[in-house]
N, C-alpha and C. Protein backbone atom coordinates (compact mmCIF):
# COMPACT_ATOMS: atom_id res chain seq x y z
N UNK A 1 0.82 -1.19 0.00
CA UNK A 1 0.00 0.00 0.00
C UNK A 1 0.86 1.25 0.00
N UNK A 2 2.00 1.19 0.63
CA UNK A 2 2.88 2.35 0.68
C UNK A 2 3.38 2.71 -0.71
N UNK A 3 3.69 1.69 -1.52
CA UNK A 3 4.17 1.97 -2.87
C UNK A 3 3.13 2.73 -3.70
N UNK A 4 1.85 2.38 -3.57
CA UNK A 4 0.80 3.06 -4.32
C UNK A 4 0.71 4.52 -3.89
N UNK A 5 0.77 4.76 -2.58
CA UNK A 5 0.72 6.13 -2.08
C UNK A 5 1.91 6.93 -2.59
N UNK A 6 3.08 6.34 -2.57
CA UNK A 6 4.28 7.01 -3.07
C UNK A 6 4.14 7.33 -4.54
N UNK A 7 3.64 6.37 -5.33
CA UNK A 7 3.47 6.60 -6.76
C UNK A 7 2.47 7.71 -7.04
N UNK A 8 1.36 7.75 -6.28
CA UNK A 8 0.37 8.81 -6.48
C UNK A 8 0.96 10.18 -6.15
N UNK A 9 1.75 10.26 -5.09
CA UNK A 9 2.36 11.53 -4.72
C UNK A 9 3.37 11.97 -5.78
N UNK A 10 4.09 11.02 -6.35
CA UNK A 10 5.11 11.36 -7.34
C UNK A 10 4.49 11.84 -8.65
N UNK A 11 3.24 11.40 -8.94
CA UNK A 11 2.63 11.78 -10.20
C UNK A 11 1.55 12.86 -10.04
N UNK A 12 1.41 13.40 -8.82
CA UNK A 12 0.40 14.44 -8.60
C UNK A 12 0.68 15.64 -9.49
N UNK A 13 -0.35 16.23 -10.08
CA UNK A 13 -0.12 17.39 -10.96
C UNK A 13 0.39 18.59 -10.18
N UNK A 14 1.23 19.34 -10.81
CA UNK A 14 1.73 20.58 -10.22
C UNK A 14 1.19 21.75 -11.04
N UNK A 15 1.04 22.90 -10.42
CA UNK A 15 0.55 24.06 -11.19
C UNK A 15 1.49 24.38 -12.34
N UNK A 16 0.92 24.53 -13.52
CA UNK A 16 1.74 24.82 -14.69
C UNK A 16 1.82 26.30 -14.98
N UNK A 17 0.87 27.09 -14.51
CA UNK A 17 0.84 28.50 -14.86
C UNK A 17 1.72 29.32 -13.92
N UNK A 18 2.04 30.51 -14.36
CA UNK A 18 2.81 31.46 -13.55
C UNK A 18 2.35 32.87 -13.89
N UNK A 19 2.29 33.71 -12.88
CA UNK A 19 1.99 35.12 -13.10
C UNK A 19 3.28 35.89 -12.96
N UNK A 20 3.67 36.55 -14.04
CA UNK A 20 4.92 37.31 -14.07
C UNK A 20 4.59 38.78 -14.32
N UNK A 21 5.61 39.62 -14.30
CA UNK A 21 5.44 41.02 -14.67
C UNK A 21 6.27 41.31 -15.91
N UNK A 22 5.64 41.96 -16.88
CA UNK A 22 6.35 42.41 -18.07
C UNK A 22 6.12 43.92 -18.17
N UNK A 23 7.20 44.68 -18.11
CA UNK A 23 7.12 46.14 -18.10
C UNK A 23 6.14 46.62 -17.02
N UNK A 24 6.24 46.02 -15.85
CA UNK A 24 5.44 46.35 -14.66
C UNK A 24 3.96 45.99 -14.77
N UNK A 25 3.58 45.20 -15.77
CA UNK A 25 2.19 44.78 -15.93
C UNK A 25 2.09 43.27 -15.71
N UNK A 26 1.04 42.81 -15.00
CA UNK A 26 0.90 41.37 -14.76
C UNK A 26 0.56 40.62 -16.04
N UNK A 27 1.22 39.49 -16.23
CA UNK A 27 0.99 38.62 -17.39
C UNK A 27 0.92 37.18 -16.87
N UNK A 28 -0.14 36.46 -17.25
CA UNK A 28 -0.28 35.07 -16.84
C UNK A 28 0.22 34.18 -17.98
N UNK A 29 1.15 33.30 -17.63
CA UNK A 29 1.65 32.30 -18.58
C UNK A 29 0.89 31.01 -18.31
N UNK A 30 0.34 30.41 -19.34
CA UNK A 30 -0.38 29.14 -19.17
C UNK A 30 0.55 28.02 -18.76
N UNK A 31 1.80 28.10 -19.18
CA UNK A 31 2.79 27.08 -18.86
C UNK A 31 4.07 27.78 -18.43
N UNK A 32 4.53 27.49 -17.23
CA UNK A 32 5.74 28.16 -16.73
C UNK A 32 7.00 27.75 -17.51
N UNK A 33 6.94 26.60 -18.21
CA UNK A 33 8.04 26.20 -19.09
C UNK A 33 7.77 26.88 -20.43
N UNK A 34 8.55 27.89 -20.76
CA UNK A 34 8.22 28.76 -21.87
C UNK A 34 9.47 29.24 -22.58
N UNK A 35 9.28 30.04 -23.61
CA UNK A 35 10.40 30.64 -24.35
C UNK A 35 10.27 32.16 -24.31
N UNK A 36 11.33 32.83 -24.73
CA UNK A 36 11.28 34.28 -24.81
C UNK A 36 10.16 34.76 -25.72
N UNK A 37 10.00 34.11 -26.86
CA UNK A 37 8.94 34.50 -27.81
C UNK A 37 7.56 34.31 -27.20
N UNK A 38 7.38 33.22 -26.44
CA UNK A 38 6.08 32.96 -25.82
C UNK A 38 5.76 33.98 -24.73
N UNK A 39 6.77 34.43 -24.00
CA UNK A 39 6.56 35.47 -22.99
C UNK A 39 6.10 36.75 -23.66
N UNK A 40 6.75 37.13 -24.75
CA UNK A 40 6.35 38.35 -25.46
C UNK A 40 4.95 38.21 -26.02
N UNK A 41 4.61 37.05 -26.56
CA UNK A 41 3.28 36.81 -27.11
C UNK A 41 2.21 36.93 -26.03
N UNK A 42 2.47 36.34 -24.86
CA UNK A 42 1.52 36.42 -23.74
C UNK A 42 1.37 37.87 -23.26
N UNK A 43 2.48 38.60 -23.26
CA UNK A 43 2.43 40.01 -22.84
C UNK A 43 1.60 40.83 -23.81
N UNK A 44 1.78 40.61 -25.10
CA UNK A 44 0.99 41.32 -26.12
C UNK A 44 -0.49 41.00 -25.93
N UNK A 45 -0.81 39.72 -25.71
CA UNK A 45 -2.20 39.31 -25.51
C UNK A 45 -2.79 39.95 -24.25
N UNK A 46 -1.94 40.23 -23.26
CA UNK A 46 -2.39 40.84 -22.00
C UNK A 46 -2.47 42.36 -22.11
N UNK A 47 -2.13 42.90 -23.28
CA UNK A 47 -2.25 44.34 -23.49
C UNK A 47 -1.00 45.15 -23.21
N UNK A 48 0.13 44.49 -23.02
CA UNK A 48 1.38 45.23 -22.83
C UNK A 48 1.78 45.79 -24.20
N UNK A 49 2.02 47.10 -24.30
CA UNK A 49 2.28 47.71 -25.61
C UNK A 49 3.71 47.46 -26.11
N UNK A 50 3.94 46.25 -26.60
CA UNK A 50 5.24 45.86 -27.15
C UNK A 50 5.02 45.21 -28.50
N UNK A 51 6.12 44.96 -29.21
CA UNK A 51 6.09 44.28 -30.51
C UNK A 51 6.88 42.97 -30.39
N UNK A 52 6.56 41.98 -31.23
CA UNK A 52 7.26 40.69 -31.16
C UNK A 52 8.77 40.78 -31.41
N UNK A 53 9.22 41.83 -32.13
CA UNK A 53 10.65 41.93 -32.43
C UNK A 53 11.42 42.73 -31.37
N UNK A 54 10.75 43.15 -30.30
CA UNK A 54 11.43 43.85 -29.21
C UNK A 54 12.32 42.87 -28.46
N UNK A 55 13.24 43.40 -27.66
CA UNK A 55 14.21 42.60 -26.90
C UNK A 55 13.67 42.34 -25.49
N UNK A 56 13.67 41.06 -25.09
CA UNK A 56 13.19 40.64 -23.77
C UNK A 56 14.38 40.46 -22.84
N UNK A 57 14.26 41.03 -21.63
CA UNK A 57 15.29 40.85 -20.60
C UNK A 57 14.63 40.42 -19.30
N UNK A 58 15.27 39.49 -18.61
CA UNK A 58 14.81 39.09 -17.28
C UNK A 58 15.51 39.97 -16.25
N UNK A 59 14.75 40.48 -15.28
CA UNK A 59 15.34 41.25 -14.20
C UNK A 59 15.80 40.27 -13.13
N UNK A 60 17.09 40.24 -12.88
CA UNK A 60 17.68 39.30 -11.92
C UNK A 60 17.54 39.83 -10.50
N UNK A 61 17.67 38.96 -9.49
CA UNK A 61 17.52 39.41 -8.10
C UNK A 61 18.46 40.55 -7.70
N UNK A 62 19.63 40.63 -8.34
CA UNK A 62 20.58 41.70 -8.02
C UNK A 62 20.26 43.00 -8.77
N UNK A 63 19.15 43.01 -9.53
CA UNK A 63 18.74 44.22 -10.25
C UNK A 63 19.28 44.30 -11.66
N UNK A 64 20.25 43.47 -12.00
CA UNK A 64 20.78 43.47 -13.36
C UNK A 64 19.79 42.77 -14.28
N UNK A 65 20.00 42.93 -15.58
CA UNK A 65 19.11 42.31 -16.56
C UNK A 65 19.89 41.35 -17.43
N UNK A 66 19.20 40.26 -17.83
CA UNK A 66 19.80 39.24 -18.69
C UNK A 66 18.88 39.08 -19.90
N UNK A 67 19.43 39.26 -21.09
CA UNK A 67 18.65 39.14 -22.32
C UNK A 67 18.22 37.69 -22.51
N UNK A 68 16.94 37.51 -22.84
CA UNK A 68 16.38 36.19 -23.12
C UNK A 68 16.02 36.13 -24.60
N UNK A 69 16.79 35.39 -25.41
CA UNK A 69 16.47 35.27 -26.84
C UNK A 69 15.11 34.59 -27.04
N UNK A 70 14.50 34.84 -28.19
CA UNK A 70 13.19 34.28 -28.50
C UNK A 70 13.15 32.76 -28.37
N UNK A 71 14.22 32.08 -28.76
CA UNK A 71 14.22 30.61 -28.76
C UNK A 71 14.76 30.00 -27.46
N UNK A 72 15.08 30.83 -26.47
CA UNK A 72 15.62 30.35 -25.20
C UNK A 72 14.49 29.78 -24.34
N UNK A 73 14.65 28.54 -23.87
CA UNK A 73 13.68 27.90 -22.99
C UNK A 73 14.02 28.25 -21.54
N UNK A 74 13.01 28.73 -20.80
CA UNK A 74 13.21 29.04 -19.39
C UNK A 74 12.03 28.49 -18.59
N UNK A 75 12.20 28.43 -17.27
CA UNK A 75 11.11 28.09 -16.37
C UNK A 75 10.81 29.32 -15.54
N UNK A 76 9.65 29.93 -15.79
CA UNK A 76 9.25 31.15 -15.08
C UNK A 76 8.61 30.78 -13.75
N UNK A 77 8.76 31.67 -12.78
CA UNK A 77 8.14 31.50 -11.48
C UNK A 77 7.22 32.68 -11.22
N UNK A 78 6.21 32.47 -10.38
CA UNK A 78 5.34 33.58 -9.99
C UNK A 78 6.20 34.73 -9.48
N UNK A 79 5.92 35.93 -9.97
CA UNK A 79 6.64 37.11 -9.52
C UNK A 79 7.88 37.46 -10.32
N UNK A 80 8.31 36.60 -11.24
CA UNK A 80 9.46 36.95 -12.07
C UNK A 80 9.16 38.23 -12.84
N UNK A 81 10.20 39.05 -13.04
CA UNK A 81 10.02 40.32 -13.74
C UNK A 81 10.85 40.35 -15.01
N UNK A 82 10.24 40.93 -16.05
CA UNK A 82 10.88 41.06 -17.36
C UNK A 82 10.64 42.46 -17.90
N UNK A 83 11.56 42.91 -18.72
CA UNK A 83 11.40 44.15 -19.46
C UNK A 83 11.50 43.83 -20.95
N UNK A 84 10.67 44.47 -21.73
CA UNK A 84 10.71 44.32 -23.18
C UNK A 84 10.82 45.72 -23.76
N UNK A 85 11.88 45.93 -24.54
CA UNK A 85 12.14 47.25 -25.13
C UNK A 85 12.48 47.10 -26.60
N UNK A 86 12.33 48.18 -27.37
CA UNK A 86 12.73 48.10 -28.79
C UNK A 86 14.22 47.76 -28.90
N UNK A 87 14.54 46.97 -29.93
CA UNK A 87 15.94 46.62 -30.17
C UNK A 87 16.70 47.82 -30.71
N UNK A 88 18.01 47.75 -30.62
CA UNK A 88 18.87 48.82 -31.13
C UNK A 88 19.19 48.52 -32.58
N UNK A 89 18.56 49.24 -33.50
CA UNK A 89 18.75 49.00 -34.92
C UNK A 89 19.64 50.09 -35.50
N UNK A 90 20.94 49.80 -35.54
CA UNK A 90 21.90 50.75 -36.08
C UNK A 90 22.44 50.30 -37.42
N UNK A 91 21.60 49.67 -38.23
CA UNK A 91 22.09 49.15 -39.50
C UNK A 91 22.24 50.22 -40.55
């Protein structure tokens, strides 16, 4: 009986969604396992005034920012903060 209980606990569903902030606005991600492009898409759907080609940065606990490329896979947590700004086009 103990094995069954252990197996049920090991396979119990965990919350997949996360509420993050993008440019100081709340954005709900349906799946916390996401990409930079998916974060921007969710932010646009939530009404954050950004464009898909803008640059996404994660705000780190020390206040510094780390650029998250569109194809980068990350695991977001509730309360994570991101900034999205226009890219620097000096071509």
